Amino acid sequence: MAEPIKTEGSMERLTCGSATRSSLGEISSVGLNQDGSCIVVIASRGFSILDVETCQPLYQEYFHACGGVVREVEMLFQTSLLALVGGTAESRGQLTMWNARARCSICTLKFCSDICAVRLNHRRAVVLLKNKVHIFDLKTMKSLLVVDREAPPLAP
């Protein structure tokens, strides 16, 4: 059985069993994919995806290779499909669909406001903005529905 993950704020000190992860800088967030089989670790210089059972890295990417700082990574179950949300002031409204195995961008969508969250399932990508919810077909990334989140005006 694998030893517990020990974090002290830096990827270079993140260990699991006898494996040590390469340095990606200070950890900013940690999450799981939908079925809880993978850990997504976002750090100051990149992100890493680890298998929960073995703690072995599945994918690792430095930000300069995937187009810039990322503040959120959503993984579609155990596939290589990732949704990356930009992490700089200029890119907080940018969503990049990323093929982790091929290490390339599939498409990039830009929104007029910051992305609050992204969720994926086998058929849809849902992007939550402050005032709207966008629903896309995952295969084509064509918009299927935009839902306005603003409160209706008060009646006189």
N, C-alpha and C. Protein backbone atom coordinates (compact mmCIF):
# COMPACT_ATOMS: atom_id res chain seq x y z
N MET A 1 0.85 -1.19 0.00
CA MET A 1 0.00 0.00 0.00
C MET A 1 0.89 1.24 0.00
N ALA A 2 0.47 2.25 -0.73
CA ALA A 2 1.25 3.49 -0.85
C ALA A 2 1.22 4.26 0.46
N GLU A 3 2.31 4.98 0.70
CA GLU A 3 2.37 5.86 1.87
C GLU A 3 1.51 7.08 1.61
N PRO A 4 1.05 7.76 2.67
CA PRO A 4 0.26 8.98 2.46
C PRO A 4 1.07 10.04 1.74
N ILE A 5 0.39 10.88 0.98
CA ILE A 5 1.06 11.98 0.31
C ILE A 5 1.44 13.01 1.35
N LYS A 6 2.69 13.44 1.32
CA LYS A 6 3.18 14.44 2.26
C LYS A 6 3.39 15.72 1.49
N THR A 7 2.67 16.78 1.87
CA THR A 7 2.85 18.05 1.18
C THR A 7 3.35 19.08 2.17
N GLU A 8 4.32 19.84 1.72
CA GLU A 8 4.85 20.93 2.51
C GLU A 8 4.86 22.19 1.68
N GLY A 9 3.91 22.31 0.75
CA GLY A 9 3.79 23.53 -0.03
C GLY A 9 4.55 23.55 -1.33
N SER A 10 5.33 22.52 -1.64
CA SER A 10 6.11 22.54 -2.86
C SER A 10 6.09 21.18 -3.52
N MET A 11 5.98 21.15 -4.85
CA MET A 11 5.96 19.89 -5.58
C MET A 11 7.26 19.12 -5.41
N GLU A 12 8.38 19.80 -5.21
CA GLU A 12 9.63 19.08 -5.07
C GLU A 12 9.67 18.28 -3.77
N ARG A 13 8.79 18.57 -2.83
CA ARG A 13 8.72 17.81 -1.59
C ARG A 13 7.50 16.90 -1.53
N LEU A 14 6.74 16.84 -2.65
CA LEU A 14 5.57 15.97 -2.69
C LEU A 14 6.03 14.56 -2.98
N THR A 15 5.86 13.67 -2.03
CA THR A 15 6.30 12.30 -2.21
C THR A 15 5.15 11.35 -1.96
N CYS A 16 5.21 10.24 -2.61
CA CYS A 16 4.22 9.20 -2.43
C CYS A 16 4.97 7.90 -2.62
N GLY A 17 5.09 7.09 -1.58
CA GLY A 17 5.95 5.92 -1.66
C GLY A 17 7.37 6.40 -1.82
N SER A 18 8.12 5.78 -2.72
CA SER A 18 9.51 6.19 -2.92
C SER A 18 9.67 7.16 -4.08
N ALA A 19 8.56 7.45 -4.78
CA ALA A 19 8.64 8.34 -5.95
C ALA A 19 8.58 9.79 -5.51
N THR A 20 9.46 10.61 -6.05
CA THR A 20 9.45 12.05 -5.80
C THR A 20 9.07 12.76 -7.09
N ARG A 21 8.13 13.67 -7.04
CA ARG A 21 7.67 14.40 -8.22
C ARG A 21 8.67 15.51 -8.55
N SER A 22 8.76 15.80 -9.84
CA SER A 22 9.66 16.88 -10.23
C SER A 22 9.09 18.21 -9.77
N SER A 23 9.95 19.20 -9.71
CA SER A 23 9.58 20.49 -9.15
C SER A 23 8.67 21.28 -10.09
N LEU A 24 7.46 21.57 -9.60
CA LEU A 24 6.54 22.43 -10.31
C LEU A 24 6.25 23.69 -9.51
N GLY A 25 6.91 23.86 -8.39
CA GLY A 25 6.74 25.06 -7.59
C GLY A 25 5.74 24.89 -6.47
N GLU A 26 5.32 26.02 -5.92
CA GLU A 26 4.39 26.03 -4.79
C GLU A 26 3.01 25.55 -5.20
N ILE A 27 2.43 24.68 -4.40
CA ILE A 27 1.10 24.14 -4.69
C ILE A 27 0.05 25.21 -4.42
N SER A 28 -0.86 25.41 -5.39
CA SER A 28 -1.93 26.39 -5.19
C SER A 28 -3.28 25.71 -5.00
N SER A 29 -3.48 24.52 -5.58
CA SER A 29 -4.74 23.81 -5.35
C SER A 29 -4.59 22.32 -5.66
N VAL A 30 -5.50 21.56 -5.07
CA VAL A 30 -5.53 20.11 -5.26
C VAL A 30 -6.98 19.71 -5.46
N GLY A 31 -7.24 18.80 -6.37
CA GLY A 31 -8.61 18.34 -6.60
C GLY A 31 -8.61 16.91 -7.12
N LEU A 32 -9.80 16.39 -7.35
CA LEU A 32 -9.99 15.04 -7.87
C LEU A 32 -10.78 15.09 -9.17
N ASN A 33 -10.62 14.07 -10.00
CA ASN A 33 -11.49 13.94 -11.17
C ASN A 33 -12.85 13.41 -10.72
N GLN A 34 -13.79 13.21 -11.67
CA GLN A 34 -15.16 12.85 -11.31
C GLN A 34 -15.29 11.57 -10.51
N ASP A 35 -14.52 10.54 -10.85
CA ASP A 35 -14.67 9.26 -10.15
C ASP A 35 -13.67 9.09 -9.00
N GLY A 36 -12.91 10.13 -8.71
CA GLY A 36 -11.98 10.09 -7.58
C GLY A 36 -10.77 9.20 -7.80
N SER A 37 -10.48 8.87 -9.04
CA SER A 37 -9.35 7.97 -9.32
C SER A 37 -8.04 8.72 -9.58
N CYS A 38 -8.12 10.03 -9.76
CA CYS A 38 -6.92 10.83 -10.04
C CYS A 38 -6.91 12.10 -9.20
N ILE A 39 -5.71 12.50 -8.80
CA ILE A 39 -5.49 13.74 -8.06
C ILE A 39 -4.90 14.76 -9.03
N VAL A 40 -5.47 15.95 -9.06
CA VAL A 40 -4.95 17.04 -9.87
C VAL A 40 -4.28 18.03 -8.92
N VAL A 41 -2.99 18.27 -9.12
CA VAL A 41 -2.24 19.20 -8.30
C VAL A 41 -1.80 20.36 -9.18
N ILE A 42 -2.24 21.58 -8.82
CA ILE A 42 -1.84 22.77 -9.57
C ILE A 42 -0.82 23.52 -8.72
N ALA A 43 0.29 23.87 -9.35
CA ALA A 43 1.37 24.56 -8.65
C ALA A 43 1.74 25.83 -9.42
N SER A 44 2.72 26.54 -8.93
CA SER A 44 3.07 27.83 -9.52
C SER A 44 3.67 27.74 -10.91
N ARG A 45 4.28 26.61 -11.28
CA ARG A 45 4.91 26.49 -12.60
C ARG A 45 4.26 25.44 -13.50
N GLY A 46 3.22 24.74 -13.01
CA GLY A 46 2.58 23.73 -13.83
C GLY A 46 1.59 22.91 -13.04
N PHE A 47 1.16 21.81 -13.62
CA PHE A 47 0.23 20.93 -12.92
C PHE A 47 0.64 19.48 -13.14
N SER A 48 0.19 18.63 -12.24
CA SER A 48 0.47 17.21 -12.31
C SER A 48 -0.80 16.45 -11.99
N ILE A 49 -0.99 15.32 -12.66
CA ILE A 49 -2.12 14.44 -12.38
C ILE A 49 -1.56 13.10 -11.95
N LEU A 50 -1.99 12.66 -10.77
CA LEU A 50 -1.47 11.44 -10.17
C LEU A 50 -2.57 10.41 -10.03
N ASP A 51 -2.21 9.14 -10.17
CA ASP A 51 -3.14 8.05 -9.91
C ASP A 51 -3.33 7.93 -8.40
N VAL A 52 -4.56 7.89 -7.92
CA VAL A 52 -4.84 7.85 -6.48
C VAL A 52 -4.29 6.58 -5.83
N GLU A 53 -4.42 5.44 -6.50
CA GLU A 53 -4.00 4.16 -5.92
C GLU A 53 -2.49 4.01 -5.84
N THR A 54 -1.79 4.39 -6.90
CA THR A 54 -0.35 4.16 -6.96
C THR A 54 0.49 5.40 -6.69
N CYS A 55 -0.15 6.55 -6.74
CA CYS A 55 0.52 7.86 -6.61
C CYS A 55 1.54 8.10 -7.72
N GLN A 56 1.44 7.36 -8.78
CA GLN A 56 2.32 7.56 -9.93
C GLN A 56 1.78 8.68 -10.80
N PRO A 57 2.67 9.52 -11.34
CA PRO A 57 2.19 10.60 -12.21
C PRO A 57 1.66 10.04 -13.53
N LEU A 58 0.50 10.52 -13.94
CA LEU A 58 -0.07 10.15 -15.22
C LEU A 58 0.28 11.20 -16.27
N TYR A 59 0.14 12.47 -15.88
CA TYR A 59 0.45 13.59 -16.76
C TYR A 59 1.09 14.68 -15.92
N GLN A 60 2.01 15.39 -16.55
CA GLN A 60 2.59 16.56 -15.90
C GLN A 60 2.89 17.58 -16.99
N GLU A 61 2.56 18.82 -16.71
CA GLU A 61 2.75 19.85 -17.71
C GLU A 61 3.22 21.14 -17.06
N TYR A 62 4.21 21.77 -17.66
CA TYR A 62 4.63 23.10 -17.23
C TYR A 62 3.79 24.12 -17.97
N PHE A 63 3.49 25.23 -17.33
CA PHE A 63 2.59 26.23 -17.91
C PHE A 63 3.07 26.76 -19.25
N HIS A 64 4.38 26.94 -19.43
CA HIS A 64 4.87 27.48 -20.70
C HIS A 64 4.53 26.55 -21.86
N ALA A 65 4.36 25.26 -21.62
CA ALA A 65 4.04 24.29 -22.68
C ALA A 65 2.55 24.29 -23.03
N CYS A 66 1.70 24.71 -22.09
CA CYS A 66 0.25 24.64 -22.35
C CYS A 66 -0.38 26.01 -22.50
N GLY A 67 0.42 27.03 -22.75
CA GLY A 67 -0.13 28.33 -23.11
C GLY A 67 -0.24 29.35 -21.99
N GLY A 68 0.26 29.07 -20.80
CA GLY A 68 0.23 30.06 -19.74
C GLY A 68 -0.29 29.51 -18.43
N VAL A 69 -0.36 30.37 -17.44
CA VAL A 69 -0.76 29.99 -16.09
C VAL A 69 -2.18 29.45 -16.09
N VAL A 70 -2.39 28.38 -15.33
CA VAL A 70 -3.69 27.73 -15.22
C VAL A 70 -4.12 27.77 -13.76
N ARG A 71 -5.39 28.12 -13.50
CA ARG A 71 -5.86 28.13 -12.12
C ARG A 71 -6.85 27.02 -11.82
N GLU A 72 -7.36 26.36 -12.88
CA GLU A 72 -8.27 25.23 -12.67
C GLU A 72 -8.04 24.20 -13.75
N VAL A 73 -8.01 22.93 -13.34
CA VAL A 73 -7.90 21.81 -14.28
C VAL A 73 -9.04 20.86 -13.97
N GLU A 74 -9.86 20.59 -14.98
CA GLU A 74 -10.95 19.62 -14.85
C GLU A 74 -10.62 18.46 -15.78
N MET A 75 -10.60 17.25 -15.24
CA MET A 75 -10.25 16.05 -16.01
C MET A 75 -11.51 15.23 -16.26
N LEU A 76 -11.70 14.77 -17.50
CA LEU A 76 -12.84 13.93 -17.82
C LEU A 76 -12.52 12.49 -17.41
N PHE A 77 -13.08 12.08 -16.28
CA PHE A 77 -12.86 10.75 -15.71
C PHE A 77 -11.38 10.39 -15.79
N GLN A 78 -11.01 9.26 -16.39
CA GLN A 78 -9.59 8.88 -16.49
C GLN A 78 -9.06 9.03 -17.90
N THR A 79 -9.65 9.94 -18.67
CA THR A 79 -9.20 10.16 -20.04
C THR A 79 -8.08 11.20 -20.05
N SER A 80 -7.54 11.44 -21.21
CA SER A 80 -6.50 12.46 -21.36
C SER A 80 -7.09 13.83 -21.66
N LEU A 81 -8.43 13.94 -21.66
CA LEU A 81 -9.07 15.22 -21.94
C LEU A 81 -9.15 16.09 -20.69
N LEU A 82 -8.56 17.28 -20.79
CA LEU A 82 -8.54 18.23 -19.69
C LEU A 82 -9.14 19.55 -20.13
N ALA A 83 -9.82 20.21 -19.21
CA ALA A 83 -10.29 21.59 -19.42
C ALA A 83 -9.41 22.47 -18.53
N LEU A 84 -8.69 23.40 -19.14
CA LEU A 84 -7.78 24.28 -18.42
C LEU A 84 -8.35 25.69 -18.41
N VAL A 85 -8.46 26.29 -17.23
CA VAL A 85 -8.94 27.66 -17.09
C VAL A 85 -7.75 28.56 -16.79
N GLY A 86 -7.63 29.64 -17.56
CA GLY A 86 -6.51 30.56 -17.42
C GLY A 86 -6.42 31.17 -16.03
N GLY A 87 -5.19 31.50 -15.63
CA GLY A 87 -4.97 31.99 -14.28
C GLY A 87 -4.45 33.41 -14.17
N THR A 88 -4.25 34.10 -15.29
CA THR A 88 -3.80 35.49 -15.21
C THR A 88 -5.00 36.40 -15.39
N ALA A 89 -4.83 37.67 -15.09
CA ALA A 89 -5.94 38.63 -15.23
C ALA A 89 -6.48 38.65 -16.66
N GLU A 90 -5.59 38.49 -17.64
CA GLU A 90 -6.00 38.51 -19.04
C GLU A 90 -6.64 37.20 -19.49
N SER A 91 -6.35 36.09 -18.81
CA SER A 91 -6.82 34.78 -19.28
C SER A 91 -7.86 34.12 -18.38
N ARG A 92 -8.39 34.83 -17.40
CA ARG A 92 -9.35 34.21 -16.48
C ARG A 92 -10.67 33.85 -17.17
N GLY A 93 -10.90 34.39 -18.34
CA GLY A 93 -12.08 34.05 -19.12
C GLY A 93 -11.77 33.12 -20.28
N GLN A 94 -10.62 32.46 -20.22
CA GLN A 94 -10.19 31.59 -21.31
C GLN A 94 -10.24 30.13 -20.89
N LEU A 95 -10.87 29.31 -21.72
CA LEU A 95 -10.94 27.87 -21.50
C LEU A 95 -10.21 27.17 -22.63
N THR A 96 -9.25 26.32 -22.28
CA THR A 96 -8.52 25.54 -23.27
C THR A 96 -8.82 24.08 -23.03
N MET A 97 -9.32 23.41 -24.06
CA MET A 97 -9.49 21.97 -24.01
C MET A 97 -8.16 21.37 -24.43
N TRP A 98 -7.59 20.52 -23.58
CA TRP A 98 -6.21 20.07 -23.73
C TRP A 98 -6.15 18.55 -23.80
N ASN A 99 -5.40 18.02 -24.75
CA ASN A 99 -5.14 16.58 -24.83
C ASN A 99 -3.83 16.33 -24.10
N ALA A 100 -3.91 15.75 -22.90
CA ALA A 100 -2.72 15.57 -22.07
C ALA A 100 -1.78 14.53 -22.66
N ARG A 101 -2.31 13.52 -23.32
CA ARG A 101 -1.46 12.49 -23.90
C ARG A 101 -0.66 13.05 -25.06
N ALA A 102 -1.32 13.78 -25.96
CA ALA A 102 -0.65 14.36 -27.12
C ALA A 102 0.05 15.68 -26.78
N ARG A 103 -0.26 16.24 -25.60
CA ARG A 103 0.31 17.49 -25.12
C ARG A 103 0.04 18.64 -26.09
N CYS A 104 -1.26 18.76 -26.47
CA CYS A 104 -1.61 19.82 -27.40
C CYS A 104 -3.02 20.34 -27.11
N SER A 105 -3.25 21.55 -27.56
CA SER A 105 -4.55 22.20 -27.42
C SER A 105 -5.51 21.65 -28.47
N ILE A 106 -6.73 21.36 -28.04
CA ILE A 106 -7.78 20.93 -28.97
C ILE A 106 -8.53 22.15 -29.47
N CYS A 107 -8.90 23.03 -28.55
CA CYS A 107 -9.55 24.29 -28.91
C CYS A 107 -9.46 25.24 -27.71
N THR A 108 -9.66 26.52 -28.00
CA THR A 108 -9.66 27.53 -26.96
C THR A 108 -10.91 28.38 -27.13
N LEU A 109 -11.61 28.59 -26.03
CA LEU A 109 -12.79 29.45 -26.02
C LEU A 109 -12.52 30.64 -25.11
N LYS A 110 -12.90 31.83 -25.55
CA LYS A 110 -12.71 33.02 -24.74
C LYS A 110 -14.07 33.60 -24.40
N PHE A 111 -14.24 33.93 -23.13
CA PHE A 111 -15.49 34.49 -22.64
C PHE A 111 -15.24 35.91 -22.19
N CYS A 112 -16.30 36.73 -22.18
CA CYS A 112 -16.15 38.15 -21.83
C CYS A 112 -16.03 38.38 -20.33
N SER A 113 -16.23 37.36 -19.52
CA SER A 113 -16.04 37.50 -18.07
C SER A 113 -15.28 36.29 -17.54
N ASP A 114 -14.89 36.37 -16.28
CA ASP A 114 -14.11 35.30 -15.65
C ASP A 114 -14.90 33.99 -15.58
N ILE A 115 -14.20 32.89 -15.77
CA ILE A 115 -14.80 31.57 -15.61
C ILE A 115 -14.76 31.22 -14.13
N CYS A 116 -15.93 30.90 -13.56
CA CYS A 116 -16.03 30.53 -12.16
C CYS A 116 -15.79 29.04 -11.95
N ALA A 117 -16.25 28.21 -12.89
CA ALA A 117 -16.09 26.76 -12.78
C ALA A 117 -16.33 26.12 -14.13
N VAL A 118 -15.78 24.91 -14.29
CA VAL A 118 -16.00 24.09 -15.48
C VAL A 118 -16.27 22.68 -15.01
N ARG A 119 -17.27 22.03 -15.63
CA ARG A 119 -17.56 20.63 -15.34
C ARG A 119 -17.73 19.89 -16.66
N LEU A 120 -17.27 18.64 -16.68
CA LEU A 120 -17.35 17.82 -17.88
C LEU A 120 -18.07 16.52 -17.58
N ASN A 121 -18.81 16.01 -18.58
CA ASN A 121 -19.24 14.62 -18.55
C ASN A 121 -18.98 14.07 -19.94
N HIS A 122 -19.40 12.86 -20.21
CA HIS A 122 -19.06 12.25 -21.49
C HIS A 122 -19.68 12.95 -22.70
N ARG A 123 -20.72 13.76 -22.49
CA ARG A 123 -21.40 14.42 -23.60
C ARG A 123 -21.32 15.94 -23.58
N ARG A 124 -21.11 16.53 -22.41
CA ARG A 124 -21.23 17.98 -22.28
C ARG A 124 -20.05 18.60 -21.52
N ALA A 125 -19.81 19.87 -21.84
CA ALA A 125 -18.92 20.73 -21.06
C ALA A 125 -19.78 21.89 -20.58
N VAL A 126 -19.76 22.16 -19.29
CA VAL A 126 -20.55 23.25 -18.71
C VAL A 126 -19.57 24.27 -18.15
N VAL A 127 -19.74 25.53 -18.58
CA VAL A 127 -18.88 26.62 -18.15
C VAL A 127 -19.73 27.62 -17.38
N LEU A 128 -19.38 27.84 -16.13
CA LEU A 128 -20.10 28.77 -15.27
C LEU A 128 -19.37 30.10 -15.23
N LEU A 129 -20.06 31.15 -15.67
CA LEU A 129 -19.56 32.51 -15.57
C LEU A 129 -20.35 33.22 -14.48
N LYS A 130 -19.98 34.44 -14.18
CA LYS A 130 -20.69 35.18 -13.12
C LYS A 130 -22.17 35.33 -13.45
N ASN A 131 -22.50 35.65 -14.69
CA ASN A 131 -23.89 35.93 -15.05
C ASN A 131 -24.50 34.96 -16.06
N LYS A 132 -23.75 33.95 -16.47
CA LYS A 132 -24.26 33.02 -17.48
C LYS A 132 -23.73 31.61 -17.23
N VAL A 133 -24.46 30.64 -17.77
CA VAL A 133 -24.02 29.25 -17.81
C VAL A 133 -24.03 28.85 -19.28
N HIS A 134 -22.88 28.39 -19.77
CA HIS A 134 -22.76 27.95 -21.16
C HIS A 134 -22.67 26.43 -21.16
N ILE A 135 -23.46 25.79 -22.03
CA ILE A 135 -23.42 24.34 -22.17
C ILE A 135 -22.99 24.03 -23.60
N PHE A 136 -21.94 23.19 -23.72
CA PHE A 136 -21.37 22.85 -25.02
C PHE A 136 -21.46 21.35 -25.26
N ASP A 137 -21.56 20.97 -26.54
CA ASP A 137 -21.41 19.58 -26.93
C ASP A 137 -19.92 19.26 -26.83
N LEU A 138 -19.56 18.23 -26.10
CA LEU A 138 -18.15 17.96 -25.85
C LEU A 138 -17.39 17.54 -27.11
N LYS A 139 -18.03 16.83 -28.02
CA LYS A 139 -17.34 16.39 -29.23
C LYS A 139 -17.01 17.54 -30.16
N THR A 140 -17.94 18.47 -30.33
CA THR A 140 -17.75 19.56 -31.29
C THR A 140 -17.41 20.89 -30.63
N MET A 141 -17.67 21.00 -29.33
CA MET A 141 -17.54 22.25 -28.56
C MET A 141 -18.42 23.36 -29.13
N LYS A 142 -19.52 22.96 -29.76
CA LYS A 142 -20.50 23.94 -30.22
C LYS A 142 -21.45 24.25 -29.08
N SER A 143 -21.82 25.51 -29.01
CA SER A 143 -22.72 25.96 -27.95
C SER A 143 -24.11 25.36 -28.15
N LEU A 144 -24.65 24.75 -27.10
CA LEU A 144 -25.99 24.18 -27.14
C LEU A 144 -27.00 25.08 -26.45
N LEU A 145 -26.55 25.73 -25.38
CA LEU A 145 -27.47 26.53 -24.57
C LEU A 145 -26.68 27.54 -23.76
N VAL A 146 -27.24 28.74 -23.64
CA VAL A 146 -26.69 29.76 -22.75
C VAL A 146 -27.82 30.17 -21.83
N VAL A 147 -27.59 30.04 -20.54
CA VAL A 147 -28.60 30.37 -19.55
C VAL A 147 -28.16 31.63 -18.82
N ASP A 148 -29.04 32.63 -18.81
CA ASP A 148 -28.77 33.88 -18.12
C ASP A 148 -28.96 33.66 -16.63
N ARG A 149 -27.98 34.05 -15.83
CA ARG A 149 -28.06 33.87 -14.37
C ARG A 149 -28.47 35.13 -13.64
N GLU A 150 -28.69 36.23 -14.36
CA GLU A 150 -29.07 37.48 -13.70
C GLU A 150 -30.47 37.36 -13.12
N ALA A 151 -30.68 37.98 -12.00
CA ALA A 151 -32.00 37.98 -11.39
C ALA A 151 -32.94 38.78 -12.27
N PRO A 152 -34.19 38.33 -12.40
CA PRO A 152 -35.14 39.11 -13.21
C PRO A 152 -35.40 40.46 -12.56
N PRO A 153 -35.72 41.48 -13.38
CA PRO A 153 -35.99 42.81 -12.81
C PRO A 153 -37.23 42.76 -11.93
N LEU A 154 -37.21 43.61 -10.92
CA LEU A 154 -38.36 43.67 -10.01
C LEU A 154 -39.53 44.37 -10.71
N ALA A 155 -40.71 43.83 -10.48
CA ALA A 155 -41.92 44.43 -11.08
C ALA A 155 -42.24 45.75 -10.38
N PRO A 156 -42.78 46.76 -11.13
CA PRO A 156 -43.10 48.07 -10.50
C PRO A 156 -44.23 47.98 -9.52
